[in-house]
């Protein structure tokens, strides 16, 4: 038996819809979401680069 919950991170070149479809194909449904900014230091200052988005997937019982 596999894990009941798994965190899926949206890849840099992936859309949110593509990530949700990947979850469905692996037998998980989204039950949570978290976002976190990704920063990069430029000239000694933190500059936002992109947003890391993750979905919490719950195993679909069949």
N, C-alpha and C. Protein backbone atom coordinates (compact mmCIF):
# COMPACT_ATOMS: atom_id res chain seq x y z
N UNK A 1 0.84 -1.18 0.00
CA UNK A 1 0.00 0.00 0.00
C UNK A 1 0.89 1.24 0.00
N UNK A 2 0.56 2.22 -0.82
CA UNK A 2 1.36 3.43 -0.94
C UNK A 2 1.00 4.46 0.11
N UNK A 3 1.59 5.62 -0.06
CA UNK A 3 1.33 6.72 0.87
C UNK A 3 -0.09 7.24 0.70
N UNK A 4 -0.67 7.73 1.79
CA UNK A 4 -2.01 8.31 1.74
C UNK A 4 -1.98 9.75 1.26
N UNK A 5 -0.93 10.52 1.67
CA UNK A 5 -0.82 11.91 1.23
C UNK A 5 0.58 12.16 0.65
N UNK A 6 0.61 12.97 -0.40
CA UNK A 6 1.86 13.31 -1.08
C UNK A 6 1.80 14.78 -1.47
N UNK A 7 2.92 15.49 -1.35
CA UNK A 7 3.00 16.89 -1.81
C UNK A 7 3.52 16.91 -3.23
N UNK A 8 2.79 17.57 -4.12
CA UNK A 8 3.18 17.74 -5.52
C UNK A 8 3.61 19.18 -5.74
N UNK A 9 4.82 19.37 -6.26
CA UNK A 9 5.30 20.72 -6.56
C UNK A 9 5.14 21.00 -8.05
N UNK A 10 4.62 22.17 -8.36
CA UNK A 10 4.48 22.57 -9.76
C UNK A 10 5.87 22.87 -10.29
N UNK A 11 6.24 22.20 -11.37
CA UNK A 11 7.55 22.40 -11.96
C UNK A 11 7.62 23.77 -12.64
N UNK A 12 8.82 24.25 -12.88
CA UNK A 12 9.01 25.60 -13.43
C UNK A 12 8.35 25.77 -14.80
N UNK A 13 8.32 24.70 -15.60
CA UNK A 13 7.74 24.79 -16.95
C UNK A 13 6.33 24.20 -17.02
N UNK A 14 5.74 23.88 -15.87
CA UNK A 14 4.44 23.21 -15.82
C UNK A 14 3.35 24.19 -15.40
N UNK A 15 2.15 24.00 -15.92
CA UNK A 15 1.02 24.82 -15.50
C UNK A 15 0.33 24.16 -14.30
N UNK A 16 -0.50 24.92 -13.61
CA UNK A 16 -1.24 24.38 -12.48
C UNK A 16 -2.14 23.24 -12.95
N UNK A 17 -2.80 23.44 -14.07
CA UNK A 17 -3.70 22.41 -14.61
C UNK A 17 -2.94 21.13 -14.94
N UNK A 18 -1.73 21.24 -15.48
CA UNK A 18 -0.93 20.07 -15.81
C UNK A 18 -0.54 19.31 -14.54
N UNK A 19 -0.22 20.03 -13.47
CA UNK A 19 0.12 19.40 -12.20
C UNK A 19 -1.08 18.66 -11.63
N UNK A 20 -2.26 19.29 -11.68
CA UNK A 20 -3.47 18.64 -11.17
C UNK A 20 -3.80 17.39 -11.98
N UNK A 21 -3.57 17.42 -13.28
CA UNK A 21 -3.81 16.25 -14.12
C UNK A 21 -2.83 15.13 -13.77
N UNK A 22 -1.57 15.49 -13.51
CA UNK A 22 -0.56 14.51 -13.11
C UNK A 22 -0.97 13.84 -11.80
N UNK A 23 -1.53 14.62 -10.88
CA UNK A 23 -2.01 14.07 -9.61
C UNK A 23 -3.13 13.06 -9.86
N UNK A 24 -4.10 13.44 -10.70
CA UNK A 24 -5.23 12.55 -11.01
C UNK A 24 -4.75 11.24 -11.62
N UNK A 25 -3.78 11.32 -12.53
CA UNK A 25 -3.26 10.13 -13.19
C UNK A 25 -2.58 9.19 -12.20
N UNK A 26 -1.99 9.75 -11.14
CA UNK A 26 -1.31 8.93 -10.14
C UNK A 26 -2.25 8.50 -9.02
N UNK A 27 -3.55 8.88 -9.11
CA UNK A 27 -4.54 8.41 -8.15
C UNK A 27 -4.70 9.29 -6.92
N UNK A 28 -4.36 10.57 -7.02
CA UNK A 28 -4.48 11.51 -5.90
C UNK A 28 -5.42 12.65 -6.26
N UNK A 29 -6.09 13.19 -5.24
CA UNK A 29 -6.92 14.37 -5.45
C UNK A 29 -6.38 15.49 -4.56
N UNK A 30 -6.43 16.75 -5.03
CA UNK A 30 -5.89 17.85 -4.24
C UNK A 30 -6.79 18.18 -3.05
N UNK A 31 -6.16 18.32 -1.87
CA UNK A 31 -6.91 18.69 -0.66
C UNK A 31 -6.29 19.88 0.05
N UNK A 32 -5.15 20.35 -0.45
CA UNK A 32 -4.50 21.51 0.17
C UNK A 32 -3.54 22.16 -0.81
N UNK A 33 -3.19 23.38 -0.50
CA UNK A 33 -2.28 24.14 -1.36
C UNK A 33 -1.43 25.04 -0.48
N UNK A 34 -0.15 25.16 -0.82
CA UNK A 34 0.71 26.12 -0.13
C UNK A 34 1.61 26.80 -1.16
N UNK A 35 1.88 28.06 -0.87
CA UNK A 35 2.74 28.86 -1.75
C UNK A 35 3.86 29.47 -0.93
N UNK A 36 4.98 29.62 -1.59
CA UNK A 36 6.15 30.18 -0.91
C UNK A 36 6.98 30.93 -1.95
N UNK A 37 7.37 32.16 -1.67
CA UNK A 37 8.18 32.91 -2.63
C UNK A 37 9.61 32.38 -2.69
N UNK A 38 10.20 32.40 -3.87
CA UNK A 38 11.58 31.99 -4.07
C UNK A 38 12.38 33.25 -4.39
N UNK A 39 13.39 33.53 -3.58
CA UNK A 39 14.18 34.75 -3.74
C UNK A 39 15.58 34.42 -4.25
N UNK A 40 16.20 35.41 -4.88
CA UNK A 40 17.58 35.32 -5.35
C UNK A 40 18.28 36.60 -4.94
N UNK A 41 19.51 36.50 -4.47
CA UNK A 41 20.26 37.68 -4.06
C UNK A 41 20.87 38.37 -5.29
N UNK A 42 20.54 39.64 -5.48
CA UNK A 42 21.11 40.45 -6.56
C UNK A 42 21.56 41.77 -5.96
N UNK A 43 22.84 42.06 -6.10
CA UNK A 43 23.44 43.28 -5.55
C UNK A 43 23.20 43.38 -4.03
N UNK A 44 23.25 42.26 -3.35
CA UNK A 44 23.07 42.25 -1.91
C UNK A 44 21.63 42.38 -1.44
N UNK A 45 20.68 42.40 -2.36
CA UNK A 45 19.26 42.53 -2.03
C UNK A 45 18.50 41.28 -2.47
N UNK A 46 17.59 40.79 -1.64
CA UNK A 46 16.76 39.66 -2.07
C UNK A 46 15.71 40.13 -3.09
N UNK A 47 15.67 39.45 -4.23
CA UNK A 47 14.73 39.79 -5.30
C UNK A 47 13.85 38.56 -5.56
N UNK A 48 12.52 38.73 -5.56
CA UNK A 48 11.65 37.58 -5.83
C UNK A 48 11.85 37.07 -7.26
N UNK A 49 12.02 35.75 -7.39
CA UNK A 49 12.25 35.14 -8.70
C UNK A 49 10.96 34.51 -9.21
N UNK A 50 10.32 33.70 -8.38
CA UNK A 50 9.06 33.06 -8.74
C UNK A 50 8.38 32.54 -7.49
N UNK A 51 7.20 32.01 -7.65
CA UNK A 51 6.41 31.48 -6.55
C UNK A 51 6.44 29.95 -6.61
N UNK A 52 6.82 29.30 -5.51
CA UNK A 52 6.75 27.85 -5.44
C UNK A 52 5.35 27.47 -4.98
N UNK A 53 4.66 26.67 -5.77
CA UNK A 53 3.31 26.25 -5.44
C UNK A 53 3.30 24.74 -5.29
N UNK A 54 2.71 24.26 -4.20
CA UNK A 54 2.60 22.83 -3.95
C UNK A 54 1.16 22.49 -3.62
N UNK A 55 0.74 21.30 -4.07
CA UNK A 55 -0.58 20.79 -3.75
C UNK A 55 -0.43 19.52 -2.91
N UNK A 56 -1.24 19.42 -1.86
CA UNK A 56 -1.26 18.22 -1.06
C UNK A 56 -2.26 17.26 -1.67
N UNK A 57 -1.80 16.07 -2.03
CA UNK A 57 -2.67 15.09 -2.67
C UNK A 57 -3.05 13.99 -1.70
N UNK A 58 -4.32 13.65 -1.68
CA UNK A 58 -4.85 12.57 -0.84
C UNK A 58 -5.18 11.41 -1.77
N UNK A 59 -4.73 10.20 -1.40
CA UNK A 59 -4.96 9.01 -2.21
C UNK A 59 -6.45 8.77 -2.36
N UNK A 60 -6.90 8.55 -3.59
CA UNK A 60 -8.31 8.28 -3.86
C UNK A 60 -8.58 6.82 -3.55
N UNK A 61 -9.49 6.57 -2.64
CA UNK A 61 -9.83 5.19 -2.28
C UNK A 61 -10.78 4.61 -3.32
N UNK A 62 -10.50 3.38 -3.74
CA UNK A 62 -11.37 2.76 -4.74
C UNK A 62 -12.05 1.54 -4.19
